Amino acid sequence: MHEYNIVEKGTAPGKAKKAIILLHGRGASAEDILQLAQYFPGEDTYLAAPQATNHTWYPTSFIAPEEENEPWLSSAVEVVKRLIDETAQHIPLNKIYLMGFSQGACLCLEVAARFANRYAGIVAFTGGLVGEKLKPERYNGNFEGTKIFIGTGDKDAHVPLARVKESVEILKKSGAAVHLEVYKDRPHTIISDEIEKAKRLLFS
């Protein structure tokens, strides 16, 4: 099970006007993903990134049978939900951004969809909802128009485009305004065009 280990930067939550919660990918760290925040408006912003135990949120592919990723997946969801709830004690949800890359992007979307609400915005750099087959009954709440940016490659080796598109439809049904950007032959990474488009969509 994951320890509750949060790396924080920026303005203290009691004084911040907004927050960005960032989720790292497999094999990476909280410190790694926090570097992504430098590309987004950061004045009066609380930055928080949980650290996955052993640098991995769940052991196998996000589209593997669910039992292969438990209990780690459920534990990861609990960690992120706890961080959102604790941040929301100081900063309203509609001023809290959720952001992640790869495995962190999948976890970001999964938590957001399970507990849909009016967030400031959501950014998923290469990710989709988790599970061998998606279960719409698992997702609750309403995004109330929350803007979501998802960027992905058309032939990503880890995140099938079909699953990304399936995830987009579920997120839309939960009230999100989703912008999907598909890049031809893009490697499994974050590119500057994604950052700029996410910034314009969510932070302008």
Protein backbone atom coordinates (compact mmCIF):
# COMPACT_ATOMS: atom_id res chain seq x y z
CA MET A 1 0.00 0.00 0.00
CA HIS A 2 1.16 3.54 -0.71
CA GLU A 3 2.49 5.75 2.03
CA TYR A 4 0.99 9.24 2.20
CA ASN A 5 4.07 11.17 1.14
CA ILE A 6 3.40 14.62 -0.35
CA VAL A 7 6.09 16.90 -1.77
CA GLU A 8 5.04 20.54 -1.62
CA LYS A 9 6.26 23.73 -3.29
CA GLY A 10 4.99 27.21 -3.96
CA THR A 11 2.68 29.17 -1.70
CA ALA A 12 1.40 27.60 1.52
CA PRO A 13 -2.17 26.31 1.07
CA GLY A 14 -3.53 28.68 3.70
CA LYS A 15 -2.28 31.67 1.68
CA ALA A 16 -2.55 30.38 -1.90
CA LYS A 17 -5.28 31.44 -4.31
CA LYS A 18 -5.12 28.26 -6.38
CA ALA A 19 -3.48 24.82 -6.35
CA ILE A 20 -2.02 22.37 -8.83
CA ILE A 21 -1.87 18.71 -7.84
CA LEU A 22 0.59 16.81 -10.03
CA LEU A 23 0.88 13.03 -10.46
CA HIS A 24 4.10 11.47 -11.73
CA GLY A 25 4.46 8.55 -14.12
CA ARG A 26 5.86 5.07 -13.62
CA GLY A 27 9.47 5.09 -12.46
CA ALA A 28 9.48 8.84 -11.87
CA SER A 29 9.16 10.94 -8.72
CA ALA A 30 7.16 13.75 -7.20
CA GLU A 31 10.13 16.06 -7.69
CA ASP A 32 10.20 15.17 -11.40
CA ILE A 33 6.58 16.05 -12.05
CA LEU A 34 6.73 19.23 -9.98
CA GLN A 35 9.12 20.64 -12.59
CA LEU A 36 6.17 20.65 -15.01
CA ALA A 37 4.51 23.40 -12.96
CA GLN A 38 7.09 25.95 -14.11
CA TYR A 39 5.33 26.10 -17.49
CA PHE A 40 2.02 27.21 -15.96
CA PRO A 41 1.05 30.43 -14.15
CA GLY A 42 2.41 30.02 -10.63
CA GLU A 43 1.76 33.20 -8.66
CA ASP A 44 0.01 32.50 -5.34
CA THR A 45 -0.13 28.80 -6.23
CA TYR A 46 0.17 25.81 -3.93
CA LEU A 47 1.94 22.90 -5.66
CA ALA A 48 1.60 19.37 -4.35
CA ALA A 49 2.77 16.02 -5.74
CA PRO A 50 2.29 12.68 -3.98
CA GLN A 51 5.12 10.16 -4.21
CA ALA A 52 4.15 6.61 -5.19
CA THR A 53 5.76 3.86 -3.15
CA ASN A 54 8.50 2.28 -5.28
CA HIS A 55 7.84 5.03 -7.87
CA THR A 56 4.87 3.12 -9.34
CA TRP A 57 1.19 3.75 -8.74
CA TYR A 58 0.11 0.27 -9.84
CA PRO A 59 2.18 -2.67 -11.11
CA THR A 60 0.88 -3.49 -14.60
CA SER A 61 -0.77 -1.77 -17.56
CA PHE A 62 -3.74 0.50 -16.88
CA ILE A 63 -5.82 -1.67 -19.23
CA ALA A 64 -4.84 -4.95 -17.53
CA PRO A 65 -7.44 -6.96 -15.57
CA GLU A 66 -8.22 -4.95 -12.45
CA GLU A 67 -7.16 -7.64 -10.00
CA GLU A 68 -3.61 -7.45 -11.37
CA ASN A 69 -3.32 -3.85 -10.18
CA GLU A 70 -4.88 -4.26 -6.77
CA PRO A 71 -4.54 -3.31 -3.97
CA TRP A 72 -2.16 -0.69 -5.33
CA LEU A 73 -4.66 1.05 -7.60
CA SER A 74 -7.24 1.50 -4.84
CA SER A 75 -4.51 2.75 -2.52
CA ALA A 76 -3.34 5.25 -5.16
CA VAL A 77 -6.89 6.54 -5.62
CA GLU A 78 -7.17 6.99 -1.84
CA VAL A 79 -3.92 8.96 -1.69
CA VAL A 80 -4.95 11.37 -4.44
CA LYS A 81 -8.49 11.79 -3.07
CA ARG A 82 -7.11 12.52 0.40
CA LEU A 83 -4.75 15.14 -1.05
CA ILE A 84 -7.62 16.79 -2.95
CA ASP A 85 -9.80 16.81 0.18
CA GLU A 86 -7.05 18.25 2.38
CA THR A 87 -6.22 20.92 -0.21
CA ALA A 88 -9.90 21.80 -0.50
CA GLN A 89 -9.94 22.68 3.20
CA HIS A 90 -7.97 25.80 2.24
CA ILE A 91 -8.63 26.27 -1.48
CA PRO A 92 -12.01 25.68 -3.16
CA LEU A 93 -12.23 22.84 -5.67
CA ASN A 94 -12.91 25.26 -8.50
CA LYS A 95 -9.43 26.69 -7.88
CA ILE A 96 -7.68 23.27 -7.81
CA TYR A 97 -6.07 21.90 -10.98
CA LEU A 98 -5.27 18.22 -11.45
CA MET A 99 -2.40 17.26 -13.75
CA GLY A 100 -0.46 14.09 -14.59
CA PHE A 101 1.70 12.30 -17.12
CA SER A 102 1.38 8.70 -18.34
CA GLN A 103 0.54 6.47 -15.36
CA GLY A 104 -0.06 9.67 -13.41
CA ALA A 105 -2.38 10.95 -16.15
CA CYS A 106 -4.41 7.74 -15.97
CA LEU A 107 -4.66 8.06 -12.19
CA CYS A 108 -5.54 11.73 -12.52
CA LEU A 109 -8.46 11.01 -14.85
CA GLU A 110 -9.60 8.00 -12.81
CA VAL A 111 -9.81 9.94 -9.55
CA ALA A 112 -11.44 12.93 -11.22
CA ALA A 113 -14.07 10.73 -12.88
CA ARG A 114 -14.86 8.79 -9.71
CA PHE A 115 -15.34 12.03 -7.81
CA ALA A 116 -16.44 14.44 -10.53
CA ASN A 117 -16.83 18.04 -9.42
CA ARG A 118 -16.21 21.58 -10.62
CA TYR A 119 -12.41 21.66 -10.66
CA ALA A 120 -10.31 24.55 -11.98
CA GLY A 121 -9.15 22.27 -14.79
CA ILE A 122 -7.60 18.88 -15.52
CA VAL A 123 -4.59 18.07 -17.68
CA ALA A 124 -3.77 14.50 -18.73
CA PHE A 125 -0.59 14.18 -20.73
CA THR A 126 -1.06 10.71 -22.29
CA GLY A 127 -3.65 8.85 -20.24
CA GLY A 128 -7.08 7.28 -20.07
CA LEU A 129 -9.49 5.79 -17.55
CA VAL A 130 -8.29 2.62 -15.83
CA GLY A 131 -9.50 -0.95 -16.23
CA GLU A 132 -9.56 -3.84 -18.68
CA LYS A 133 -13.11 -2.73 -19.45
CA LEU A 134 -14.50 0.60 -18.34
CA LYS A 135 -17.41 0.57 -15.90
CA PRO A 136 -19.49 3.74 -16.25
CA GLU A 137 -21.32 2.98 -13.00
CA ARG A 138 -18.05 3.58 -11.13
CA TYR A 139 -18.00 7.27 -12.06
CA ASN A 140 -20.02 9.66 -9.94
CA GLY A 141 -20.74 13.36 -9.70
CA ASN A 142 -20.76 16.09 -12.32
CA PHE A 143 -17.87 18.13 -13.67
CA GLU A 144 -20.19 21.08 -14.28
CA GLY A 145 -18.27 22.16 -17.35
CA THR A 146 -14.74 21.62 -16.01
CA LYS A 147 -12.25 21.91 -18.87
CA ILE A 148 -10.08 18.84 -19.46
CA PHE A 149 -7.09 18.77 -21.79
CA ILE A 150 -5.85 15.35 -22.95
CA GLY A 151 -2.83 15.05 -25.22
CA THR A 152 -1.68 11.74 -26.69
CA GLY A 153 0.10 10.12 -29.60
CA ASP A 154 -1.82 8.29 -32.30
CA LYS A 155 0.31 5.18 -31.84
CA ASP A 156 1.48 5.43 -28.22
CA ALA A 157 3.02 2.15 -27.07
CA HIS A 158 1.49 2.33 -23.59
CA VAL A 159 -1.80 4.17 -24.02
CA PRO A 160 -4.04 3.00 -26.88
CA LEU A 161 -5.84 5.81 -28.68
CA ALA A 162 -9.07 3.82 -28.63
CA ARG A 163 -9.05 3.83 -24.81
CA VAL A 164 -8.34 7.54 -24.72
CA LYS A 165 -11.32 8.22 -26.98
CA GLU A 166 -13.54 5.92 -24.91
CA SER A 167 -12.48 7.82 -21.79
CA VAL A 168 -13.28 11.15 -23.43
CA GLU A 169 -16.88 10.06 -24.04
CA ILE A 170 -17.36 9.03 -20.41
CA LEU A 171 -15.87 12.27 -19.15
CA LYS A 172 -18.18 14.26 -21.42
CA LYS A 173 -21.21 12.35 -20.13
CA SER A 174 -20.13 13.40 -16.64
CA GLY A 175 -20.31 17.04 -17.67
CA ALA A 176 -16.70 17.79 -18.63
CA ALA A 177 -15.66 19.99 -21.55
CA VAL A 178 -12.91 17.81 -23.00
CA HIS A 179 -10.32 18.89 -25.54
CA LEU A 180 -8.42 15.94 -27.05
CA GLU A 181 -5.24 16.61 -28.99
CA VAL A 182 -3.84 13.64 -30.95
CA TYR A 183 -0.29 13.92 -32.29
CA LYS A 184 0.94 11.85 -35.21
CA ASP A 185 3.91 9.61 -34.36
CA ARG A 186 4.58 11.47 -31.11
CA PRO A 187 6.83 9.53 -28.70
CA HIS A 188 5.77 8.74 -25.13
CA THR A 189 6.64 12.13 -23.69
CA ILE A 190 5.28 15.64 -23.14
CA ILE A 191 5.89 18.08 -25.97
CA SER A 192 5.82 21.88 -25.90
CA ASP A 193 2.70 22.13 -28.09
CA GLU A 194 0.71 20.18 -25.48
CA ILE A 195 1.88 22.46 -22.71
CA GLU A 196 0.99 25.59 -24.65
CA LYS A 197 -2.45 24.31 -25.62
CA ALA A 198 -3.23 23.17 -22.08
CA LYS A 199 -2.09 26.55 -20.76
CA ARG A 200 -4.29 28.47 -23.20
CA LEU A 201 -7.30 26.25 -22.56
CA LEU A 202 -7.18 26.11 -18.77
CA PHE A 203 -5.10 29.01 -17.50
CA SER A 204 -5.96 31.91 -19.80
